PDB file of N, CA and C in Angstrom:
ATOM      1  N   UNK A   1       0.816  -1.184   0.000  1.00  0.00           N
ATOM      2  CA  UNK A   1       0.000   0.000   0.000  1.00  0.00           C
ATOM      3  C   UNK A   1       0.863   1.253   0.000  1.00  0.00           C
ATOM      4  N   UNK A   2       1.979   1.197   0.705  1.00  0.00           N
ATOM      5  CA  UNK A   2       2.875   2.356   0.699  1.00  0.00           C
ATOM      6  C   UNK A   2       3.438   2.601  -0.692  1.00  0.00           C
ATOM      7  N   UNK A   3       3.770   1.518  -1.387  1.00  0.00           N
ATOM      8  CA  UNK A   3       4.283   1.669  -2.747  1.00  0.00           C
ATOM      9  C   UNK A   3       3.207   2.235  -3.667  1.00  0.00           C
ATOM     10  N   UNK A   4       1.968   1.776  -3.490  1.00  0.00           N
ATOM     11  CA  UNK A   4       0.865   2.286  -4.301  1.00  0.00           C
ATOM     12  C   UNK A   4       0.690   3.781  -4.049  1.00  0.00           C
ATOM     13  N   UNK A   5       0.756   4.186  -2.785  1.00  0.00           N
ATOM     14  CA  UNK A   5       0.611   5.597  -2.441  1.00  0.00           C
ATOM     15  C   UNK A   5       1.706   6.425  -3.111  1.00  0.00           C
ATOM     16  N   UNK A   6       2.942   5.944  -3.037  1.00  0.00           N
ATOM     17  CA  UNK A   6       4.061   6.677  -3.655  1.00  0.00           C
ATOM     18  C   UNK A   6       3.868   6.803  -5.165  1.00  0.00           C
ATOM     19  N   UNK A   7       3.434   5.728  -5.777  1.00  0.00           N
ATOM     20  CA  UNK A   7       3.208   5.742  -7.219  1.00  0.00           C
ATOM     21  C   UNK A   7       2.054   6.662  -7.600  1.00  0.00           C
ATOM     22  N   UNK A   8       0.968   6.580  -6.850  1.00  0.00           N
ATOM     23  CA  UNK A   8      -0.210   7.412  -7.128  1.00  0.00           C
ATOM     24  C   UNK A   8       0.145   8.888  -7.029  1.00  0.00           C
ATOM     25  N   UNK A   9       0.972   9.238  -6.091  1.00  0.00           N
ATOM     26  CA  UNK A   9       1.317  10.658  -5.902  1.00  0.00           C
ATOM     27  C   UNK A   9       2.155  11.223  -7.041  1.00  0.00           C
ATOM     28  N   UNK A  10       2.629  10.382  -7.944  1.00  0.00           N
ATOM     29  CA  UNK A  10       3.357  10.875  -9.114  1.00  0.00           C
ATOM     30  C   UNK A  10       2.427  11.171 -10.285  1.00  0.00           C
ATOM     31  N   UNK A  11       1.154  10.800 -10.171  1.00  0.00           N
ATOM     32  CA  UNK A  11       0.195  10.992 -11.262  1.00  0.00           C
ATOM     33  C   UNK A  11      -0.258  12.445 -11.350  1.00  0.00           C
ATOM     34  N   UNK A  12      -0.778  12.848 -12.496  1.00  0.00           N
ATOM     35  CA  UNK A  12      -1.345  14.187 -12.623  1.00  0.00           C
ATOM     36  C   UNK A  12      -2.520  14.360 -11.650  1.00  0.00           C
ATOM     37  N   UNK A  13      -2.773  15.600 -11.237  1.00  0.00           N
ATOM     38  CA  UNK A  13      -3.787  15.898 -10.223  1.00  0.00           C
ATOM     39  C   UNK A  13      -5.128  15.214 -10.462  1.00  0.00           C
ATOM     40  N   UNK A  14      -5.671  15.315 -11.653  1.00  0.00           N
ATOM     41  CA  UNK A  14      -7.000  14.771 -11.935  1.00  0.00           C
ATOM     42  C   UNK A  14      -7.043  13.254 -11.695  1.00  0.00           C
ATOM     43  N   UNK A  15      -6.028  12.570 -12.122  1.00  0.00           N
ATOM     44  CA  UNK A  15      -5.956  11.118 -11.941  1.00  0.00           C
ATOM     45  C   UNK A  15      -5.638  10.756 -10.494  1.00  0.00           C
ATOM     46  N   UNK A  16      -4.761  11.497  -9.894  1.00  0.00           N
ATOM     47  CA  UNK A  16      -4.296  11.213  -8.529  1.00  0.00           C
ATOM     48  C   UNK A  16      -5.448  11.199  -7.536  1.00  0.00           C
ATOM     49  N   UNK A  17      -6.307  12.176  -7.611  1.00  0.00           N
ATOM     50  CA  UNK A  17      -7.398  12.304  -6.665  1.00  0.00           C
ATOM     51  C   UNK A  17      -8.278  11.056  -6.639  1.00  0.00           C
ATOM     52  N   UNK A  18      -8.643  10.570  -7.792  1.00  0.00           N
ATOM     53  CA  UNK A  18      -9.494   9.378  -7.898  1.00  0.00           C
ATOM     54  C   UNK A  18      -8.803   8.157  -7.292  1.00  0.00           C
ATOM     55  N   UNK A  19      -7.528   7.991  -7.593  1.00  0.00           N
ATOM     56  CA  UNK A  19      -6.793   6.829  -7.097  1.00  0.00           C
ATOM     57  C   UNK A  19      -6.519   6.921  -5.597  1.00  0.00           C
ATOM     58  N   UNK A  20      -6.264   8.121  -5.098  1.00  0.00           N
ATOM     59  CA  UNK A  20      -6.055   8.281  -3.656  1.00  0.00           C
ATOM     60  C   UNK A  20      -7.330   7.956  -2.885  1.00  0.00           C
ATOM     61  N   UNK A  21      -8.483   8.369  -3.413  1.00  0.00           N
ATOM     62  CA  UNK A  21      -9.765   8.022  -2.773  1.00  0.00           C
ATOM     63  C   UNK A  21      -9.951   6.512  -2.742  1.00  0.00           C
ATOM     64  N   UNK A  22      -9.624   5.842  -3.833  1.00  0.00           N
ATOM     65  CA  UNK A  22      -9.760   4.385  -3.893  1.00  0.00           C
ATOM     66  C   UNK A  22      -8.816   3.720  -2.893  1.00  0.00           C
ATOM     67  N   UNK A  23      -7.580   4.191  -2.796  1.00  0.00           N
ATOM     68  CA  UNK A  23      -6.625   3.625  -1.848  1.00  0.00           C
ATOM     69  C   UNK A  23      -7.096   3.866  -0.414  1.00  0.00           C
ATOM     70  N   UNK A  24      -7.593   5.048  -0.139  1.00  0.00           N
ATOM     71  CA  UNK A  24      -8.116   5.339   1.204  1.00  0.00           C
ATOM     72  C   UNK A  24      -9.290   4.421   1.534  1.00  0.00           C
ATOM     73  N   UNK A  25     -10.150   4.161   0.558  1.00  0.00           N
ATOM     74  CA  UNK A  25     -11.258   3.238   0.776  1.00  0.00           C
ATOM     75  C   UNK A  25     -10.775   1.835   1.093  1.00  0.00           C
ATOM     76  N   UNK A  26      -9.739   1.392   0.409  1.00  0.00           N
ATOM     77  CA  UNK A  26      -9.159   0.073   0.658  1.00  0.00           C
ATOM     78  C   UNK A  26      -8.583  -0.005   2.070  1.00  0.00           C
ATOM     79  N   UNK A  27      -7.836   1.001   2.452  1.00  0.00           N
ATOM     80  CA  UNK A  27      -7.229   1.024   3.788  1.00  0.00           C
ATOM     81  C   UNK A  27      -8.322   1.034   4.852  1.00  0.00           C
ATOM     82  N   UNK A  28      -9.355   1.831   4.630  1.00  0.00           N
ATOM     83  CA  UNK A  28     -10.486   1.901   5.554  1.00  0.00           C
ATOM     84  C   UNK A  28     -11.148   0.527   5.695  1.00  0.00           C
ATOM     85  N   UNK A  29     -11.380  -0.133   4.575  1.00  0.00           N
ATOM     86  CA  UNK A  29     -12.007  -1.450   4.584  1.00  0.00           C
ATOM     87  C   UNK A  29     -11.148  -2.457   5.350  1.00  0.00           C
ATOM     88  N   UNK A  30      -9.859  -2.454   5.087  1.00  0.00           N
ATOM     89  CA  UNK A  30      -8.961  -3.376   5.787  1.00  0.00           C
ATOM     90  C   UNK A  30      -8.947  -3.117   7.289  1.00  0.00           C
ATOM     91  N   UNK A  31      -8.937  -1.849   7.672  1.00  0.00           N
ATOM     92  CA  UNK A  31      -8.914  -1.524   9.099  1.00  0.00           C
ATOM     93  C   UNK A  31     -10.179  -2.047   9.785  1.00  0.00           C
ATOM     94  N   UNK A  32     -11.340  -1.720   9.237  1.00  0.00           N
ATOM     95  CA  UNK A  32     -12.578  -2.072   9.925  1.00  0.00           C
ATOM     96  C   UNK A  32     -12.940  -3.547   9.837  1.00  0.00           C
ATOM     97  N   UNK A  33     -12.471  -4.264   8.823  1.00  0.00           N
ATOM     98  CA  UNK A  33     -12.819  -5.673   8.720  1.00  0.00           C
ATOM     99  C   UNK A  33     -11.760  -6.611   9.285  1.00  0.00           C
ATOM    100  N   UNK A  34     -10.514  -6.177   9.327  1.00  0.00           N
ATOM    101  CA  UNK A  34      -9.447  -7.057   9.804  1.00  0.00           C
ATOM    102  C   UNK A  34      -8.768  -6.556  11.074  1.00  0.00           C
ATOM    103  N   UNK A  35      -8.174  -5.390  10.997  1.00  0.00           N
ATOM    104  CA  UNK A  35      -7.329  -4.938  12.095  1.00  0.00           C
ATOM    105  C   UNK A  35      -8.130  -4.512  13.324  1.00  0.00           C
ATOM    106  N   UNK A  36      -9.187  -3.773  13.146  1.00  0.00           N
ATOM    107  CA  UNK A  36      -9.947  -3.272  14.284  1.00  0.00           C
ATOM    108  C   UNK A  36     -10.466  -4.384  15.190  1.00  0.00           C
ATOM    109  N   UNK A  37     -11.110  -5.438  14.654  1.00  0.00           N
ATOM    110  CA  UNK A  37     -11.567  -6.509  15.546  1.00  0.00           C
ATOM    111  C   UNK A  37     -10.418  -7.200  16.291  1.00  0.00           C
ATOM    112  N   UNK A  38      -9.286  -7.354  15.644  1.00  0.00           N
ATOM    113  CA  UNK A  38      -8.134  -7.986  16.297  1.00  0.00           C
ATOM    114  C   UNK A  38      -7.611  -7.093  17.412  1.00  0.00           C
ATOM    115  N   UNK A  39      -7.501  -5.800  17.141  1.00  0.00           N
ATOM    116  CA  UNK A  39      -6.983  -4.862  18.141  1.00  0.00           C
ATOM    117  C   UNK A  39      -7.951  -4.760  19.317  1.00  0.00           C
ATOM    118  N   UNK A  40      -9.255  -4.816  19.050  1.00  0.00           N
ATOM    119  CA  UNK A  40     -10.220  -4.781  20.155  1.00  0.00           C
ATOM    120  C   UNK A  40     -10.042  -5.996  21.064  1.00  0.00           C
ATOM    121  N   UNK A  41      -9.798  -7.144  20.459  1.00  0.00           N
ATOM    122  CA  UNK A  41      -9.655  -8.366  21.242  1.00  0.00           C
ATOM    123  C   UNK A  41      -8.284  -8.445  21.917  1.00  0.00           C
ATOM    124  N   UNK A  42      -7.247  -7.997  21.206  1.00  0.00           N
ATOM    125  CA  UNK A  42      -5.876  -8.074  21.715  1.00  0.00           C
ATOM    126  C   UNK A  42      -5.250  -6.677  21.668  1.00  0.00           C
ATOM    127  N   UNK A  43      -5.573  -5.865  22.658  1.00  0.00           N
ATOM    128  CA  UNK A  43      -5.122  -4.471  22.686  1.00  0.00           C
ATOM    129  C   UNK A  43      -3.620  -4.288  22.607  1.00  0.00           C
ATOM    130  N   UNK A  44      -2.864  -5.278  23.067  1.00  0.00           N
ATOM    131  CA  UNK A  44      -1.404  -5.154  23.028  1.00  0.00           C
ATOM    132  C   UNK A  44      -0.864  -5.223  21.595  1.00  0.00           C
ATOM    133  N   UNK A  45      -1.694  -5.605  20.627  1.00  0.00           N
ATOM    134  CA  UNK A  45      -1.259  -5.649  19.232  1.00  0.00           C
ATOM    135  C   UNK A  45      -1.464  -4.320  18.503  1.00  0.00           C
ATOM    136  N   UNK A  46      -2.067  -3.353  19.177  1.00  0.00           N
ATOM    137  CA  UNK A  46      -2.309  -2.052  18.553  1.00  0.00           C
ATOM    138  C   UNK A  46      -0.991  -1.313  18.385  1.00  0.00           C
ATOM    139  N   UNK A  47      -0.553  -1.072  17.133  1.00  0.00           N
ATOM    140  CA  UNK A  47       0.747  -0.420  16.927  1.00  0.00           C
ATOM    141  C   UNK A  47       0.782   1.007  17.453  1.00  0.00           C
ATOM    142  N   UNK A  48      -0.372   1.646  17.612  1.00  0.00           N
ATOM    143  CA  UNK A  48      -0.422   3.024  18.109  1.00  0.00           C
ATOM    144  C   UNK A  48      -0.960   3.099  19.534  1.00  0.00           C
ATOM    145  N   UNK A  49      -1.204   1.957  20.143  1.00  0.00           N
ATOM    146  CA  UNK A  49      -1.828   1.928  21.461  1.00  0.00           C
ATOM    147  C   UNK A  49      -1.086   2.727  22.507  1.00  0.00           C
ATOM    148  N   UNK A  50       0.220   2.564  22.590  1.00  0.00           N
ATOM    149  CA  UNK A  50       1.000   3.290  23.595  1.00  0.00           C
ATOM    150  C   UNK A  50       0.874   4.787  23.395  1.00  0.00           C
ATOM    151  N   UNK A  51       0.926   5.220  22.158  1.00  0.00           N
ATOM    152  CA  UNK A  51       0.824   6.658  21.868  1.00  0.00           C
ATOM    153  C   UNK A  51      -0.524   7.203  22.336  1.00  0.00           C
ATOM    154  N   UNK A  52      -1.606   6.514  21.959  1.00  0.00           N
ATOM    155  CA  UNK A  52      -2.932   7.021  22.303  1.00  0.00           C
ATOM    156  C   UNK A  52      -3.231   6.885  23.785  1.00  0.00           C
ATOM    157  N   UNK A  53      -2.737   5.843  24.431  1.00  0.00           N
ATOM    158  CA  UNK A  53      -2.909   5.740  25.881  1.00  0.00           C
ATOM    159  C   UNK A  53      -2.163   6.874  26.563  1.00  0.00           C
ATOM    160  N   UNK A  54      -0.995   7.223  26.037  1.00  0.00           N
ATOM    161  CA  UNK A  54      -0.229   8.343  26.580  1.00  0.00           C
ATOM    162  C   UNK A  54      -0.952   9.664  26.403  1.00  0.00           C
ATOM    163  N   UNK A  55      -1.596   9.845  25.264  1.00  0.00           N
ATOM    164  CA  UNK A  55      -2.352  11.073  25.010  1.00  0.00           C
ATOM    165  C   UNK A  55      -3.529  11.165  25.970  1.00  0.00           C
ATOM    166  N   UNK A  56      -4.201  10.050  26.207  1.00  0.00           N
ATOM    167  CA  UNK A  56      -5.357  10.044  27.102  1.00  0.00           C
ATOM    168  C   UNK A  56      -4.937  10.387  28.525  1.00  0.00           C
ATOM    169  N   UNK A  57      -3.806   9.860  28.967  1.00  0.00           N
ATOM    170  CA  UNK A  57      -3.365  10.160  30.331  1.00  0.00           C
ATOM    171  C   UNK A  57      -2.914  11.617  30.452  1.00  0.00           C
ATOM    172  N   UNK A  58      -2.331  12.175  29.399  1.00  0.00           N
ATOM    173  CA  UNK A  58      -1.941  13.596  29.427  1.00  0.00           C
ATOM    174  C   UNK A  58      -3.173  14.485  29.509  1.00  0.00           C
ATOM    175  N   UNK A  59      -4.228  14.125  28.766  1.00  0.00           N
ATOM    176  CA  UNK A  59      -5.465  14.912  28.800  1.00  0.00           C
ATOM    177  C   UNK A  59      -6.100  14.827  30.175  1.00  0.00           C
ATOM    178  N   UNK A  60      -6.050  13.656  30.781  1.00  0.00           N
ATOM    179  CA  UNK A  60      -6.614  13.479  32.124  1.00  0.00           C
ATOM    180  C   UNK A  60      -5.904  14.346  33.146  1.00  0.00           C
ATOM    181  N   UNK A  61      -4.589  14.498  32.985  1.00  0.00           N
ATOM    182  CA  UNK A  61      -3.813  15.319  33.912  1.00  0.00           C
ATOM    183  C   UNK A  61      -4.120  16.802  33.714  1.00  0.00           C
ATOM    184  N   UNK A  62      -4.416  17.203  32.483  1.00  0.00           N
ATOM    185  CA  UNK A  62      -4.663  18.612  32.174  1.00  0.00           C
ATOM    186  C   UNK A  62      -6.011  19.080  32.715  1.00  0.00           C
ATOM    187  N   UNK A  63      -6.915  18.149  32.932  1.00  0.00           N
ATOM    188  CA  UNK A  63      -8.275  18.543  33.361  1.00  0.00           C
ATOM    189  C   UNK A  63      -8.362  18.772  34.817  1.00  0.00           C
TER     190      UNK A  63
END
């Protein structure tokens, strides 16, 4: 997907927009059908979990 993104960004504007929307749709579909259920069940597999847990604790301290 990263390679597709890099390649798409070399296209002319009119073409790029359509392909970027399609790639975003694919990523969205993969997240909600595959990764999200796994991360909900096994939170330690969330690659961004530490970052977001850290953000939540910082917000809690600020309040």
